[in-house]
Amino acid sequence: MNRTAYRLLLIPALLLALASLRCPSKATVAVASRPALPAADITVAADGSGDYETIGDALDDASEDDVILIKPGVYKEEIEIDEDAGPFTLVGEDPATTVIDADGEYAALTLKSSGNHISGLTLKGGESHGLYIPGGKQKIDYCLIVGNGDRGIYISAMSGGGSADIDHCTVADNKVSGIYCANKDDKTTITNSIFADNKRSLIYDGDGLNLAVDYTCLQSTDTDSDQAKSGSNNFRTDPKFKDQENGDYKLKPGSPCLNAAKDGSNMGCF
C-alpha cells in the first residue's frame, strides 16, 4: 500500500477516535453522588480526636454560619438549634456510621432557626420524631431517618411556619409516618428520596399543594398514605434494602431506586 492510500485510511480512524473522546457514551458518564464535604470550622469526634466530643458542646460554642463536621460515631444526644442560634451546617462524614440517637427523648434533632443545612447523618431513637422543624426554612440532604416512635420528619406551623428542602434522604421504619407536613403556607419539597415501610409515607394538612414530591419512592404499609398532589416521577415499589432488619439501608442489586434520581444517581442517601 502506498503512503497516500495509507494516509487516506488513517484520517477517518483518527476522526472517529477524536469524536469518541469528545462525546462519551451514556454508559461511561459518571453520575452525580454526594458532594465533597465542606471545609470544617469545628470538628466533633466521639473518640476525642476532634475539637469537641459532643455535638451539643460544639453548638454551644459555634458562631453563625459555622460548618460543624461530625466524625463517625453514635452520639446519644437530643440536639436543638434555638430560634436565636445559627444558622449552622451540620455535616456527618457518612450517614451509615454518623448517628444522632435520641435514645427515647422527644426528637433526635430540632431546628427552630432558619437556614440550617443538615447532611450525612442518621437521626433515630426519637420518642416522637427523628427531625422536628417547628419553624424556619431548612435544607436536609443525604440523611437516614429511621426507627422513631412517631414521625420521621415533623414540620409544624406552631412556631410561625416550618419548611424544608429534602433531597437524597432515606426515611424508613418510623411508626406513624415518614413525614407529617402540618404547615399549609411555606412549601416543602422532597426530591430523589426513599420513603419506605413507615406506616404512612406522607401526611399533610390542607390541600397538600404545600408539599411537592419528585423522583421519590413512596412505599408504605398503609394504603391510606396521602398521595403527593404536587410533583411527578414518583413510584410505590419496594426499594429492596440490603439488610433492613439489621439496619443496612443501602440498596440491593436490582433495586428500582438505583440510578433513578433525577440526575441518574441513586435515590436515597446511599
Protein backbone atom coordinates (compact mmCIF):
# COMPACT_ATOMS: atom_id res chain seq x y z
CA MET A 1 0.00 0.00 0.00
CA ASN A 2 1.45 3.42 -0.96
CA ARG A 3 1.75 6.27 1.55
CA THR A 4 -1.10 8.30 0.05
CA ALA A 5 -3.57 5.43 0.34
CA TYR A 6 -2.43 4.69 3.90
CA ARG A 7 -2.98 8.30 4.93
CA LEU A 8 -6.47 8.30 3.41
CA LEU A 9 -7.36 5.25 5.51
CA LEU A 10 -5.80 6.71 8.65
CA ILE A 11 -7.70 10.03 8.61
CA PRO A 12 -11.21 8.53 9.25
CA ALA A 13 -9.82 6.42 12.09
CA LEU A 14 -8.32 9.47 13.76
CA LEU A 15 -11.54 11.44 13.37
CA LEU A 16 -13.53 8.59 14.92
CA ALA A 17 -11.14 8.42 17.88
CA LEU A 18 -11.43 12.17 18.49
CA ALA A 19 -15.23 12.01 18.36
CA SER A 20 -15.32 9.24 20.93
CA LEU A 21 -13.19 11.33 23.30
CA ARG A 22 -15.42 14.39 22.95
CA CYS A 23 -18.75 12.54 23.13
CA PRO A 24 -18.53 9.62 25.59
CA SER A 25 -21.43 7.20 25.55
CA LYS A 26 -24.04 7.39 28.31
CA ALA A 27 -22.73 4.13 29.73
CA THR A 28 -19.37 5.73 30.58
CA VAL A 29 -20.62 9.02 32.02
CA ALA A 30 -20.20 9.16 35.80
CA VAL A 31 -23.42 10.06 37.63
CA ALA A 32 -23.58 12.58 40.42
CA SER A 33 -23.21 11.43 44.02
CA ARG A 34 -22.91 13.13 47.40
CA PRO A 35 -20.92 16.37 47.02
CA ALA A 36 -17.50 16.70 48.62
CA LEU A 37 -17.64 17.57 52.31
CA PRO A 38 -17.20 21.31 53.00
CA ALA A 39 -14.25 22.67 54.96
CA ALA A 40 -14.99 22.44 58.67
CA ASP A 41 -14.85 25.26 61.19
CA ILE A 42 -15.41 22.81 64.05
CA THR A 43 -14.90 19.05 64.23
CA VAL A 44 -16.78 16.70 66.55
CA ALA A 45 -15.41 13.22 67.26
CA ALA A 46 -16.71 10.88 69.94
CA ASP A 47 -13.24 9.38 70.37
CA GLY A 48 -11.72 12.70 71.42
CA SER A 49 -9.77 13.33 68.21
CA GLY A 50 -11.79 16.45 67.26
CA ASP A 51 -12.42 19.86 68.78
CA TYR A 52 -15.37 18.51 70.78
CA GLU A 53 -16.67 15.10 71.81
CA THR A 54 -20.37 16.03 71.70
CA ILE A 55 -22.46 17.87 69.13
CA GLY A 56 -24.21 19.87 71.84
CA ASP A 57 -20.93 21.29 73.16
CA ALA A 58 -19.85 22.20 69.63
CA LEU A 59 -23.10 24.05 69.00
CA ASP A 60 -22.79 25.95 72.30
CA ASP A 61 -19.51 27.48 71.09
CA ALA A 62 -20.29 27.76 67.36
CA SER A 63 -20.70 31.05 65.54
CA GLU A 64 -23.25 31.94 62.87
CA ASP A 65 -22.68 30.07 59.59
CA ASP A 66 -20.11 27.68 61.07
CA VAL A 67 -19.67 24.29 59.42
CA ILE A 68 -19.59 21.54 62.04
CA LEU A 69 -18.13 18.28 60.74
CA ILE A 70 -19.22 15.22 62.72
CA LYS A 71 -16.96 12.17 62.61
CA PRO A 72 -18.42 8.63 62.62
CA GLY A 73 -19.80 7.53 65.97
CA VAL A 74 -23.06 7.18 67.90
CA TYR A 75 -23.96 10.45 69.62
CA LYS A 76 -26.66 9.82 72.22
CA GLU A 77 -27.91 13.39 72.36
CA GLU A 78 -31.12 15.33 71.81
CA ILE A 79 -29.93 18.22 69.63
CA GLU A 80 -31.84 21.51 69.42
CA ILE A 81 -30.95 24.66 67.47
CA ASP A 82 -32.92 27.55 69.00
CA GLU A 83 -34.54 30.49 67.23
CA ASP A 84 -31.66 32.83 68.06
CA ALA A 85 -28.88 30.39 67.14
CA GLY A 86 -27.17 29.72 63.84
CA PRO A 87 -27.75 29.09 61.09
CA PHE A 88 -25.30 26.18 61.09
CA THR A 89 -24.23 23.44 58.73
CA LEU A 90 -24.10 20.03 60.45
CA VAL A 91 -22.33 17.51 58.24
CA GLY A 92 -21.79 13.85 59.06
CA GLU A 93 -18.96 12.03 57.32
CA ASP A 94 -21.17 9.05 56.47
CA PRO A 95 -24.90 8.60 57.15
CA ALA A 96 -24.33 4.89 57.74
CA THR A 97 -21.96 5.47 60.65
CA THR A 98 -22.60 9.02 61.92
CA VAL A 99 -25.61 8.68 64.18
CA ILE A 100 -27.59 11.03 66.40
CA ASP A 101 -29.59 8.74 68.68
CA ALA A 102 -32.22 10.49 70.80
CA ASP A 103 -32.32 7.38 73.00
CA GLY A 104 -36.01 7.81 73.78
CA GLU A 105 -36.05 11.60 74.15
CA TYR A 106 -38.57 13.67 72.16
CA ALA A 107 -36.61 14.17 68.92
CA ALA A 108 -33.09 13.49 67.70
CA LEU A 109 -32.80 16.93 66.07
CA THR A 110 -34.96 20.05 66.41
CA LEU A 111 -34.43 23.06 64.13
CA LYS A 112 -36.06 26.35 65.13
CA SER A 113 -33.89 28.96 63.43
CA SER A 114 -33.94 29.36 59.66
CA GLY A 115 -31.28 28.46 57.10
CA ASN A 116 -29.70 25.39 58.69
CA HIS A 117 -28.20 22.69 56.47
CA ILE A 118 -28.17 19.11 57.77
CA SER A 119 -26.32 16.47 55.74
CA GLY A 120 -24.98 12.94 56.05
CA LEU A 121 -26.47 11.94 59.41
CA THR A 122 -28.62 9.15 60.80
CA LEU A 123 -31.42 10.52 63.00
CA LYS A 124 -33.04 7.83 65.12
CA GLY A 125 -34.41 6.88 68.50
CA GLY A 126 -36.81 9.78 68.99
CA GLU A 127 -39.78 9.07 71.22
CA SER A 128 -41.72 11.11 68.69
CA HIS A 129 -39.59 12.35 65.78
CA GLY A 130 -36.23 11.96 64.11
CA LEU A 131 -36.28 15.52 62.77
CA TYR A 132 -38.59 18.21 64.14
CA ILE A 133 -38.93 21.54 62.29
CA PRO A 134 -41.27 23.89 64.20
CA GLY A 135 -40.00 26.96 62.33
CA GLY A 136 -37.63 28.26 59.68
CA LYS A 137 -36.65 27.08 56.20
CA GLN A 138 -34.15 24.20 56.30
CA LYS A 139 -32.05 22.17 53.86
CA ILE A 140 -31.80 18.44 54.56
CA ASP A 141 -29.84 16.04 52.36
CA TYR A 142 -28.16 12.62 52.40
CA CYS A 143 -29.71 11.75 55.77
CA LEU A 144 -31.04 8.42 57.04
CA ILE A 145 -34.07 8.92 59.31
CA VAL A 146 -35.20 5.63 60.85
CA GLY A 147 -36.66 3.98 63.91
CA ASN A 148 -38.54 6.86 65.52
CA GLY A 149 -41.66 6.38 67.62
CA ASP A 150 -43.96 8.66 65.67
CA ARG A 151 -42.78 10.56 62.56
CA GLY A 152 -39.50 10.52 60.74
CA ILE A 153 -39.89 14.23 59.94
CA TYR A 154 -42.43 16.56 61.54
CA ILE A 155 -42.86 20.01 60.01
CA SER A 156 -45.09 22.15 62.15
CA ALA A 157 -46.75 25.54 61.88
CA MET A 158 -46.99 26.22 65.60
CA SER A 159 -43.92 28.49 65.75
CA GLY A 160 -44.55 30.57 62.68
CA GLY A 161 -44.23 28.00 59.95
CA GLY A 162 -41.50 25.48 59.23
CA SER A 163 -40.49 24.12 55.82
CA ALA A 164 -37.63 22.22 54.24
CA ASP A 165 -35.99 21.20 51.00
CA ILE A 166 -35.31 17.48 51.44
CA ASP A 167 -33.05 15.76 48.92
CA HIS A 168 -31.43 12.31 48.71
CA CYS A 169 -32.77 11.14 52.07
CA THR A 170 -33.90 7.68 53.18
CA VAL A 171 -36.81 7.75 55.65
CA ALA A 172 -37.90 4.30 56.82
CA ASP A 173 -39.35 2.24 59.65
CA ASN A 174 -40.89 5.14 61.55
CA LYS A 175 -44.02 4.00 63.37
CA VAL A 176 -46.63 6.53 62.18
CA SER A 177 -45.36 8.36 59.09
CA GLY A 178 -42.31 9.25 57.06
CA ILE A 179 -43.25 12.93 57.11
CA TYR A 180 -46.09 14.99 58.52
CA CYS A 181 -46.23 18.41 56.93
CA ALA A 182 -48.59 20.46 59.08
CA ASN A 183 -47.56 23.79 57.62
CA LYS A 184 -50.03 24.97 54.98
CA ASP A 185 -48.12 28.05 53.80
CA ASP A 186 -44.39 27.67 53.07
CA LYS A 187 -43.69 24.91 50.55
CA THR A 188 -41.68 21.82 51.47
CA THR A 189 -40.02 19.83 48.69
CA ILE A 190 -38.89 16.20 48.62
CA THR A 191 -36.65 15.01 45.78
CA ASN A 192 -34.56 11.94 44.94
CA SER A 193 -35.53 10.24 48.19
CA ILE A 194 -36.91 6.97 49.57
CA PHE A 195 -39.84 6.78 52.00
CA ALA A 196 -40.38 3.11 52.83
CA ASP A 197 -42.03 0.95 55.46
CA ASN A 198 -43.31 3.81 57.53
CA LYS A 199 -46.96 3.14 58.34
CA ARG A 200 -47.75 6.05 56.03
CA SER A 201 -45.26 7.81 53.79
CA LEU A 202 -46.92 11.23 53.62
CA ILE A 203 -49.36 13.08 55.84
CA TYR A 204 -50.20 16.72 55.22
CA ASP A 205 -52.75 19.33 56.20
CA GLY A 206 -54.88 21.27 53.74
CA ASP A 207 -54.92 20.50 50.02
CA GLY A 208 -51.38 19.09 50.01
CA LEU A 209 -50.05 21.60 47.49
CA ASN A 210 -47.58 22.85 50.11
CA LEU A 211 -45.70 19.54 49.74
CA ALA A 212 -44.07 18.88 46.36
CA VAL A 213 -42.58 15.42 45.79
CA ASP A 214 -40.44 14.49 42.78
CA TYR A 215 -38.34 11.46 41.82
CA THR A 216 -39.12 9.66 45.08
CA CYS A 217 -40.02 6.11 46.13
CA LEU A 218 -43.14 6.21 48.33
CA GLN A 219 -43.68 2.65 49.52
CA SER A 220 -45.77 2.49 52.70
CA THR A 221 -47.50 -0.24 54.68
CA ASP A 222 -50.79 1.69 54.81
CA THR A 223 -52.79 2.26 51.63
CA ASP A 224 -54.32 5.36 53.25
CA SER A 225 -50.99 7.19 52.97
CA ASP A 226 -51.58 10.57 51.35
CA GLN A 227 -50.84 10.85 47.65
CA ALA A 228 -48.43 13.56 46.53
CA LYS A 229 -50.64 16.27 44.97
CA SER A 230 -47.71 18.20 43.53
CA GLY A 231 -44.70 16.63 41.81
CA SER A 232 -44.00 13.76 39.44
CA ASN A 233 -41.79 10.77 38.59
CA ASN A 234 -42.65 9.02 41.87
CA PHE A 235 -43.39 5.33 42.33
CA ARG A 236 -44.66 2.96 45.03
CA THR A 237 -42.34 -0.05 44.90
CA ASP A 238 -40.23 -1.97 47.42
CA PRO A 239 -36.82 -0.23 47.32
CA LYS A 240 -35.04 -3.51 48.18
CA PHE A 241 -32.74 -2.57 51.02
CA LYS A 242 -29.71 -4.82 51.56
CA ASP A 243 -30.40 -5.88 55.16
CA GLN A 244 -33.18 -3.78 56.62
CA GLU A 245 -33.63 -5.96 59.71
CA ASN A 246 -30.06 -5.27 60.74
CA GLY A 247 -30.09 -1.58 59.87
CA ASP A 248 -28.44 -1.71 56.43
CA TYR A 249 -30.46 0.61 54.18
CA LYS A 250 -28.11 0.50 51.22
CA LEU A 251 -29.70 -0.79 48.00
CA LYS A 252 -29.53 -4.33 46.66
CA PRO A 253 -28.67 -5.05 43.03
CA GLY A 254 -31.90 -4.82 41.09
CA SER A 255 -33.41 -2.13 43.33
CA PRO A 256 -35.78 0.16 41.40
CA CYS A 257 -34.11 3.09 43.21
CA LEU A 258 -30.68 2.51 41.65
CA ASN A 259 -29.85 5.30 39.18
CA ALA A 260 -33.46 6.51 39.48
CA ALA A 261 -32.82 10.03 40.82
CA LYS A 262 -33.28 12.98 38.52
CA ASP A 263 -29.53 13.24 37.84
CA GLY A 264 -29.11 9.49 37.31
CA SER A 265 -27.67 8.81 40.78
CA ASN A 266 -29.38 6.56 43.34
CA MET A 267 -32.47 7.65 45.21
CA GLY A 268 -31.94 7.89 48.96
CA CYS A 269 -28.84 8.68 50.97
CA PHE A 270 -26.61 5.85 49.68
